[in-house]
Amino acid sequence: MSLGHDNPITATLSGLFDRASKQSGREVSLASEDRLDGCTVLVTGANRGLGKAVAIELGRRGARLLLACRSGLRDIAREVQLL
């Protein structure tokens, strides 16, 4: 069963925005080319796996990131800063 997402990152971001739109009562959408300049995002598990991929993608889009992880914080911070 496919929900129209081409990778787990877009699926995760889509899910977050779906939840935000339901809580706020207004529609929220995010296209792959949308920028997030001026937005602050907390990413948990940012040092590996899906959390790392989401952190990199959000950083690429210009978001200010608060990275939470048990280890490897300097490595992921350096990687995101190079974007």
PDB file of N, CA and C in Angstrom:
ATOM      1  N   MET A   1       0.836  -1.178   0.000  1.00  0.00           N
ATOM      2  CA  MET A   1       0.000   0.000   0.000  1.00  0.00           C
ATOM      3  C   MET A   1       0.880   1.240   0.000  1.00  0.00           C
ATOM      4  N   SER A   2       0.717   2.092  -0.975  1.00  0.00           N
ATOM      5  CA  SER A   2       1.498   3.317  -1.072  1.00  0.00           C
ATOM      6  C   SER A   2       0.614   4.525  -0.797  1.00  0.00           C
ATOM      7  N   LEU A   3       1.139   5.442  -0.002  1.00  0.00           N
ATOM      8  CA  LEU A   3       0.399   6.656   0.312  1.00  0.00           C
ATOM      9  C   LEU A   3       0.903   7.846  -0.484  1.00  0.00           C
ATOM     10  N   GLY A   4       1.722   7.600  -1.490  1.00  0.00           N
ATOM     11  CA  GLY A   4       2.196   8.667  -2.354  1.00  0.00           C
ATOM     12  C   GLY A   4       3.467   9.355  -1.896  1.00  0.00           C
ATOM     13  N   HIS A   5       4.169   8.791  -0.926  1.00  0.00           N
ATOM     14  CA  HIS A   5       5.423   9.380  -0.473  1.00  0.00           C
ATOM     15  C   HIS A   5       6.574   8.616  -1.114  1.00  0.00           C
ATOM     16  N   ASP A   6       7.558   9.377  -1.606  1.00  0.00           N
ATOM     17  CA  ASP A   6       8.661   8.728  -2.292  1.00  0.00           C
ATOM     18  C   ASP A   6       9.785   8.288  -1.369  1.00  0.00           C
ATOM     19  N   ASN A   7       9.772   8.717  -0.109  1.00  0.00           N
ATOM     20  CA  ASN A   7      10.788   8.270   0.840  1.00  0.00           C
ATOM     21  C   ASN A   7      10.297   8.508   2.269  1.00  0.00           C
ATOM     22  N   PRO A   8      10.959   7.917   3.258  1.00  0.00           N
ATOM     23  CA  PRO A   8      10.495   8.040   4.638  1.00  0.00           C
ATOM     24  C   PRO A   8      10.568   9.464   5.194  1.00  0.00           C
ATOM     25  N   ILE A   9      11.451  10.276   4.648  1.00  0.00           N
ATOM     26  CA  ILE A   9      11.585  11.648   5.142  1.00  0.00           C
ATOM     27  C   ILE A   9      10.336  12.449   4.791  1.00  0.00           C
ATOM     28  N   THR A  10       9.917  12.393   3.525  1.00  0.00           N
ATOM     29  CA  THR A  10       8.718  13.133   3.137  1.00  0.00           C
ATOM     30  C   THR A  10       7.488  12.578   3.842  1.00  0.00           C
ATOM     31  N   ALA A  11       7.463  11.287   4.074  1.00  0.00           N
ATOM     32  CA  ALA A  11       6.333  10.689   4.794  1.00  0.00           C
ATOM     33  C   ALA A  11       6.279  11.206   6.231  1.00  0.00           C
ATOM     34  N   THR A  12       7.425  11.292   6.891  1.00  0.00           N
ATOM     35  CA  THR A  12       7.479  11.787   8.266  1.00  0.00           C
ATOM     36  C   THR A  12       7.074  13.251   8.339  1.00  0.00           C
ATOM     37  N   LEU A  13       7.640  14.073   7.455  1.00  0.00           N
ATOM     38  CA  LEU A  13       7.291  15.492   7.451  1.00  0.00           C
ATOM     39  C   LEU A  13       5.811  15.693   7.150  1.00  0.00           C
ATOM     40  N   SER A  14       5.286  14.917   6.229  1.00  0.00           N
ATOM     41  CA  SER A  14       3.872  14.999   5.894  1.00  0.00           C
ATOM     42  C   SER A  14       3.011  14.647   7.103  1.00  0.00           C
ATOM     43  N   GLY A  15       3.386  13.603   7.825  1.00  0.00           N
ATOM     44  CA  GLY A  15       2.648  13.200   9.014  1.00  0.00           C
ATOM     45  C   GLY A  15       2.654  14.280  10.081  1.00  0.00           C
ATOM     46  N   LEU A  16       3.810  14.926  10.268  1.00  0.00           N
ATOM     47  CA  LEU A  16       3.900  16.001  11.254  1.00  0.00           C
ATOM     48  C   LEU A  16       3.002  17.171  10.868  1.00  0.00           C
ATOM     49  N   PHE A  17       2.997  17.521   9.601  1.00  0.00           N
ATOM     50  CA  PHE A  17       2.172  18.635   9.169  1.00  0.00           C
ATOM     51  C   PHE A  17       0.687  18.277   9.196  1.00  0.00           C
ATOM     52  N   ASP A  18       0.355  17.029   8.907  1.00  0.00           N
ATOM     53  CA  ASP A  18      -1.037  16.593   9.025  1.00  0.00           C
ATOM     54  C   ASP A  18      -1.519  16.745  10.468  1.00  0.00           C
ATOM     55  N   ARG A  19      -0.691  16.329  11.394  1.00  0.00           N
ATOM     56  CA  ARG A  19      -1.067  16.432  12.806  1.00  0.00           C
ATOM     57  C   ARG A  19      -1.190  17.889  13.235  1.00  0.00           C
ATOM     58  N   ALA A  20      -0.263  18.716  12.789  1.00  0.00           N
ATOM     59  CA  ALA A  20      -0.315  20.143  13.135  1.00  0.00           C
ATOM     60  C   ALA A  20      -1.568  20.792  12.577  1.00  0.00           C
ATOM     61  N   SER A  21      -1.946  20.424  11.377  1.00  0.00           N
ATOM     62  CA  SER A  21      -3.131  21.040  10.778  1.00  0.00           C
ATOM     63  C   SER A  21      -4.400  20.608  11.506  1.00  0.00           C
ATOM     64  N   LYS A  22      -4.455  19.368  11.977  1.00  0.00           N
ATOM     65  CA  LYS A  22      -5.626  18.904  12.717  1.00  0.00           C
ATOM     66  C   LYS A  22      -5.723  19.604  14.065  1.00  0.00           C
ATOM     67  N   GLN A  23      -4.588  19.834  14.715  1.00  0.00           N
ATOM     68  CA  GLN A  23      -4.601  20.486  16.021  1.00  0.00           C
ATOM     69  C   GLN A  23      -4.925  21.969  15.905  1.00  0.00           C
ATOM     70  N   SER A  24      -4.464  22.612  14.850  1.00  0.00           N
ATOM     71  CA  SER A  24      -4.688  24.048  14.705  1.00  0.00           C
ATOM     72  C   SER A  24      -6.014  24.368  14.038  1.00  0.00           C
ATOM     73  N   GLY A  25      -6.628  23.379  13.395  1.00  0.00           N
ATOM     74  CA  GLY A  25      -7.886  23.606  12.706  1.00  0.00           C
ATOM     75  C   GLY A  25      -7.716  24.240  11.343  1.00  0.00           C
ATOM     76  N   ARG A  26      -6.494  24.348  10.870  1.00  0.00           N
ATOM     77  CA  ARG A  26      -6.260  24.892   9.533  1.00  0.00           C
ATOM     78  C   ARG A  26      -5.312  23.975   8.781  1.00  0.00           C
ATOM     79  N   GLU A  27      -5.399  24.024   7.489  1.00  0.00           N
ATOM     80  CA  GLU A  27      -4.579  23.132   6.668  1.00  0.00           C
ATOM     81  C   GLU A  27      -3.140  23.630   6.613  1.00  0.00           C
ATOM     82  N   VAL A  28      -2.217  22.709   6.777  1.00  0.00           N
ATOM     83  CA  VAL A  28      -0.792  23.000   6.694  1.00  0.00           C
ATOM     84  C   VAL A  28      -0.212  22.048   5.667  1.00  0.00           C
ATOM     85  N   SER A  29       0.562  22.571   4.739  1.00  0.00           N
ATOM     86  CA  SER A  29       1.183  21.695   3.748  1.00  0.00           C
ATOM     87  C   SER A  29       2.636  22.107   3.555  1.00  0.00           C
ATOM     88  N   LEU A  30       3.425  21.200   3.070  1.00  0.00           N
ATOM     89  CA  LEU A  30       4.844  21.445   2.858  1.00  0.00           C
ATOM     90  C   LEU A  30       5.276  20.728   1.595  1.00  0.00           C
ATOM     91  N   ALA A  31       5.580  21.490   0.567  1.00  0.00           N
ATOM     92  CA  ALA A  31       6.085  20.921  -0.680  1.00  0.00           C
ATOM     93  C   ALA A  31       7.596  20.718  -0.554  1.00  0.00           C
ATOM     94  N   SER A  32       8.139  19.885  -1.414  1.00  0.00           N
ATOM     95  CA  SER A  32       9.560  19.548  -1.323  1.00  0.00           C
ATOM     96  C   SER A  32      10.467  20.759  -1.534  1.00  0.00           C
ATOM     97  N   GLU A  33       9.984  21.811  -2.163  1.00  0.00           N
ATOM     98  CA  GLU A  33      10.816  22.999  -2.404  1.00  0.00           C
ATOM     99  C   GLU A  33      10.558  24.114  -1.379  1.00  0.00           C
ATOM    100  N   ASP A  34       9.617  23.923  -0.444  1.00  0.00           N
ATOM    101  CA  ASP A  34       9.298  24.946   0.547  1.00  0.00           C
ATOM    102  C   ASP A  34      10.455  25.170   1.504  1.00  0.00           C
ATOM    103  N   ARG A  35      10.668  26.446   1.857  1.00  0.00           N
ATOM    104  CA  ARG A  35      11.703  26.821   2.803  1.00  0.00           C
ATOM    105  C   ARG A  35      11.114  26.916   4.200  1.00  0.00           C
ATOM    106  N   LEU A  36      11.952  26.759   5.220  1.00  0.00           N
ATOM    107  CA  LEU A  36      11.517  26.839   6.609  1.00  0.00           C
ATOM    108  C   LEU A  36      12.296  27.908   7.369  1.00  0.00           C
ATOM    109  N   ASP A  37      12.764  28.911   6.650  1.00  0.00           N
ATOM    110  CA  ASP A  37      13.500  30.006   7.273  1.00  0.00           C
ATOM    111  C   ASP A  37      12.634  30.645   8.355  1.00  0.00           C
ATOM    112  N   GLY A  38      13.219  30.888   9.526  1.00  0.00           N
ATOM    113  CA  GLY A  38      12.490  31.492  10.625  1.00  0.00           C
ATOM    114  C   GLY A  38      11.757  30.496  11.517  1.00  0.00           C
ATOM    115  N   CYS A  39      11.733  29.230  11.131  1.00  0.00           N
ATOM    116  CA  CYS A  39      11.079  28.193  11.936  1.00  0.00           C
ATOM    117  C   CYS A  39      12.116  27.497  12.810  1.00  0.00           C
ATOM    118  N   THR A  40      11.739  27.178  14.035  1.00  0.00           N
ATOM    119  CA  THR A  40      12.598  26.415  14.939  1.00  0.00           C
ATOM    120  C   THR A  40      11.976  25.043  15.132  1.00  0.00           C
ATOM    121  N   VAL A  41      12.801  24.001  14.977  1.00  0.00           N
ATOM    122  CA  VAL A  41      12.307  22.624  15.036  1.00  0.00           C
ATOM    123  C   VAL A  41      13.174  21.810  15.991  1.00  0.00           C
ATOM    124  N   LEU A  42      12.532  21.075  16.885  1.00  0.00           N
ATOM    125  CA  LEU A  42      13.236  20.136  17.766  1.00  0.00           C
ATOM    126  C   LEU A  42      13.228  18.774  17.091  1.00  0.00           C
ATOM    127  N   VAL A  43      14.413  18.201  16.885  1.00  0.00           N
ATOM    128  CA  VAL A  43      14.535  16.878  16.267  1.00  0.00           C
ATOM    129  C   VAL A  43      15.150  15.939  17.290  1.00  0.00           C
ATOM    130  N   THR A  44      14.411  14.902  17.676  1.00  0.00           N
ATOM    131  CA  THR A  44      14.945  13.904  18.603  1.00  0.00           C
ATOM    132  C   THR A  44      15.564  12.758  17.806  1.00  0.00           C
ATOM    133  N   GLY A  45      16.548  12.103  18.396  1.00  0.00           N
ATOM    134  CA  GLY A  45      17.223  11.014  17.695  1.00  0.00           C
ATOM    135  C   GLY A  45      17.982  11.524  16.481  1.00  0.00           C
ATOM    136  N   ALA A  46      18.525  12.737  16.600  1.00  0.00           N
ATOM    137  CA  ALA A  46      19.100  13.430  15.446  1.00  0.00           C
ATOM    138  C   ALA A  46      20.447  12.887  14.988  1.00  0.00           C
ATOM    139  N   ASN A  47      21.044  11.977  15.723  1.00  0.00           N
ATOM    140  CA  ASN A  47      22.385  11.519  15.359  1.00  0.00           C
ATOM    141  C   ASN A  47      22.400  10.335  14.399  1.00  0.00           C
ATOM    142  N   ARG A  48      21.229   9.698  14.152  1.00  0.00           N
ATOM    143  CA  ARG A  48      21.239   8.571  13.221  1.00  0.00           C
ATOM    144  C   ARG A  48      19.819   8.249  12.745  1.00  0.00           C
ATOM    145  N   GLY A  49      19.753   7.456  11.728  1.00  0.00           N
ATOM    146  CA  GLY A  49      18.475   6.975  11.215  1.00  0.00           C
ATOM    147  C   GLY A  49      17.559   8.069  10.721  1.00  0.00           C
ATOM    148  N   LEU A  50      16.279   7.891  10.979  1.00  0.00           N
ATOM    149  CA  LEU A  50      15.264   8.815  10.501  1.00  0.00           C
ATOM    150  C   LEU A  50      15.432  10.208  11.112  1.00  0.00           C
ATOM    151  N   GLY A  51      15.781  10.282  12.386  1.00  0.00           N
ATOM    152  CA  GLY A  51      15.997  11.581  13.021  1.00  0.00           C
ATOM    153  C   GLY A  51      17.102  12.368  12.347  1.00  0.00           C
ATOM    154  N   LYS A  52      18.183  11.692  11.989  1.00  0.00           N
ATOM    155  CA  LYS A  52      19.291  12.349  11.307  1.00  0.00           C
ATOM    156  C   LYS A  52      18.860  12.827   9.927  1.00  0.00           C
ATOM    157  N   ALA A  53      18.161  11.981   9.203  1.00  0.00           N
ATOM    158  CA  ALA A  53      17.707  12.348   7.862  1.00  0.00           C
ATOM    159  C   ALA A  53      16.750  13.540   7.917  1.00  0.00           C
ATOM    160  N   VAL A  54      15.852  13.548   8.897  1.00  0.00           N
ATOM    161  CA  VAL A  54      14.923  14.668   9.049  1.00  0.00           C
ATOM    162  C   VAL A  54      15.690  15.936   9.406  1.00  0.00           C
ATOM    163  N   ALA A  55      16.658  15.846  10.309  1.00  0.00           N
ATOM    164  CA  ALA A  55      17.455  17.013  10.699  1.00  0.00           C
ATOM    165  C   ALA A  55      18.186  17.592   9.498  1.00  0.00           C
ATOM    166  N   ILE A  56      18.772  16.740   8.690  1.00  0.00           N
ATOM    167  CA  ILE A  56      19.504  17.208   7.507  1.00  0.00           C
ATOM    168  C   ILE A  56      18.551  17.884   6.527  1.00  0.00           C
ATOM    169  N   GLU A  57      17.398  17.276   6.291  1.00  0.00           N
ATOM    170  CA  GLU A  57      16.435  17.853   5.355  1.00  0.00           C
ATOM    171  C   GLU A  57      15.892  19.192   5.860  1.00  0.00           C
ATOM    172  N   LEU A  58      15.544  19.269   7.134  1.00  0.00           N
ATOM    173  CA  LEU A  58      15.045  20.526   7.688  1.00  0.00           C
ATOM    174  C   LEU A  58      16.126  21.602   7.665  1.00  0.00           C
ATOM    175  N   GLY A  59      17.365  21.221   7.959  1.00  0.00           N
ATOM    176  CA  GLY A  59      18.479  22.162   7.879  1.00  0.00           C
ATOM    177  C   GLY A  59      18.694  22.660   6.459  1.00  0.00           C
ATOM    178  N   ARG A  60      18.559  21.764   5.497  1.00  0.00           N
ATOM    179  CA  ARG A  60      18.696  22.143   4.083  1.00  0.00           C
ATOM    180  C   ARG A  60      17.634  23.166   3.694  1.00  0.00           C
ATOM    181  N   ARG A  61      16.482  23.067   4.318  1.00  0.00           N
ATOM    182  CA  ARG A  61      15.376  23.986   4.020  1.00  0.00           C
ATOM    183  C   ARG A  61      15.447  25.282   4.817  1.00  0.00           C
ATOM    184  N   GLY A  62      16.468  25.431   5.663  1.00  0.00           N
ATOM    185  CA  GLY A  62      16.683  26.692   6.361  1.00  0.00           C
ATOM    186  C   GLY A  62      16.136  26.777   7.769  1.00  0.00           C
ATOM    187  N   ALA A  63      15.626  25.690   8.318  1.00  0.00           N
ATOM    188  CA  ALA A  63      15.086  25.724   9.675  1.00  0.00           C
ATOM    189  C   ALA A  63      16.199  25.861  10.701  1.00  0.00           C
ATOM    190  N   ARG A  64      15.884  26.491  11.818  1.00  0.00           N
ATOM    191  CA  ARG A  64      16.788  26.524  12.975  1.00  0.00           C
ATOM    192  C   ARG A  64      16.520  25.244  13.741  1.00  0.00           C
ATOM    193  N   LEU A  65      17.558  24.456  13.979  1.00  0.00           N
ATOM    194  CA  LEU A  65      17.380  23.132  14.569  1.00  0.00           C
ATOM    195  C   LEU A  65      17.833  23.073  16.019  1.00  0.00           C
ATOM    196  N   LEU A  66      17.038  22.397  16.820  1.00  0.00           N
ATOM    197  CA  LEU A  66      17.427  22.000  18.166  1.00  0.00           C
ATOM    198  C   LEU A  66      17.579  20.487  18.097  1.00  0.00           C
ATOM    199  N   LEU A  67      18.815  20.018  18.168  1.00  0.00           N
ATOM    200  CA  LEU A  67      19.106  18.601  17.985  1.00  0.00           C
ATOM    201  C   LEU A  67      19.224  17.906  19.335  1.00  0.00           C
ATOM    202  N   ALA A  68      18.466  16.836  19.496  1.00  0.00           N
ATOM    203  CA  ALA A  68      18.497  16.052  20.735  1.00  0.00           C
ATOM    204  C   ALA A  68      18.932  14.632  20.402  1.00  0.00           C
ATOM    205  N   CYS A  69      20.009  14.199  21.043  1.00  0.00           N
ATOM    206  CA  CYS A  69      20.468  12.828  20.845  1.00  0.00           C
ATOM    207  C   CYS A  69      21.394  12.449  21.996  1.00  0.00           C
ATOM    208  N   ARG A  70      21.589  11.154  22.169  1.00  0.00           N
ATOM    209  CA  ARG A  70      22.409  10.669  23.288  1.00  0.00           C
ATOM    210  C   ARG A  70      23.899  10.797  23.017  1.00  0.00           C
ATOM    211  N   SER A  71      24.275  10.687  21.762  1.00  0.00           N
ATOM    212  CA  SER A  71      25.694  10.784  21.415  1.00  0.00           C
ATOM    213  C   SER A  71      25.816  11.292  19.981  1.00  0.00           C
ATOM    214  N   GLY A  72      26.998  11.718  19.616  1.00  0.00           N
ATOM    215  CA  GLY A  72      27.247  12.144  18.245  1.00  0.00           C
ATOM    216  C   GLY A  72      26.711  13.516  17.891  1.00  0.00           C
ATOM    217  N   LEU A  73      26.405  14.327  18.898  1.00  0.00           N
ATOM    218  CA  LEU A  73      25.828  15.641  18.644  1.00  0.00           C
ATOM    219  C   LEU A  73      26.764  16.518  17.815  1.00  0.00           C
ATOM    220  N   ARG A  74      28.036  16.517  18.142  1.00  0.00           N
ATOM    221  CA  ARG A  74      28.986  17.357  17.390  1.00  0.00           C
ATOM    222  C   ARG A  74      29.058  16.945  15.925  1.00  0.00           C
ATOM    223  N   ASP A  75      29.020  15.647  15.664  1.00  0.00           N
ATOM    224  CA  ASP A  75      29.107  15.158  14.284  1.00  0.00           C
ATOM    225  C   ASP A  75      27.908  15.591  13.459  1.00  0.00           C
ATOM    226  N   ILE A  76      26.702  15.412  13.988  1.00  0.00           N
ATOM    227  CA  ILE A  76      25.508  15.779  13.229  1.00  0.00           C
ATOM    228  C   ILE A  76      25.413  17.296  13.116  1.00  0.00           C
ATOM    229  N   ALA A  77      25.790  18.032  14.160  1.00  0.00           N
ATOM    230  CA  ALA A  77      25.759  19.489  14.096  1.00  0.00           C
ATOM    231  C   ALA A  77      26.701  19.985  12.996  1.00  0.00           C
ATOM    232  N   ARG A  78      27.876  19.407  12.917  1.00  0.00           N
ATOM    233  CA  ARG A  78      28.848  19.785  11.886  1.00  0.00           C
ATOM    234  C   ARG A  78      28.292  19.478  10.506  1.00  0.00           C
ATOM    235  N   GLU A  79      27.668  18.310  10.354  1.00  0.00           N
ATOM    236  CA  GLU A  79      27.110  17.907   9.067  1.00  0.00           C
ATOM    237  C   GLU A  79      25.986  18.851   8.612  1.00  0.00           C
ATOM    238  N   VAL A  80      25.136  19.243   9.535  1.00  0.00           N
ATOM    239  CA  VAL A  80      24.034  20.149   9.200  1.00  0.00           C
ATOM    240  C   VAL A  80      24.572  21.548   8.899  1.00  0.00           C
ATOM    241  N   GLN A  81      25.576  21.997   9.606  1.00  0.00           N
ATOM    242  CA  GLN A  81      26.152  23.320   9.376  1.00  0.00           C
ATOM    243  C   GLN A  81      26.777  23.437   7.994  1.00  0.00           C
ATOM    244  N   LEU A  82      27.214  22.335   7.419  1.00  0.00           N
ATOM    245  CA  LEU A  82      27.856  22.354   6.100  1.00  0.00           C
ATOM    246  C   LEU A  82      26.853  22.487   4.951  1.00  0.00           C
ATOM    247  N   LEU A  83      25.572  22.434   5.255  1.00  0.00           N
ATOM    248  CA  LEU A  83      24.555  22.533   4.190  1.00  0.00           C
ATOM    249  C   LEU A  83      24.515  23.905   3.575  1.00  0.00           C
TER     250      LEU A  83
END
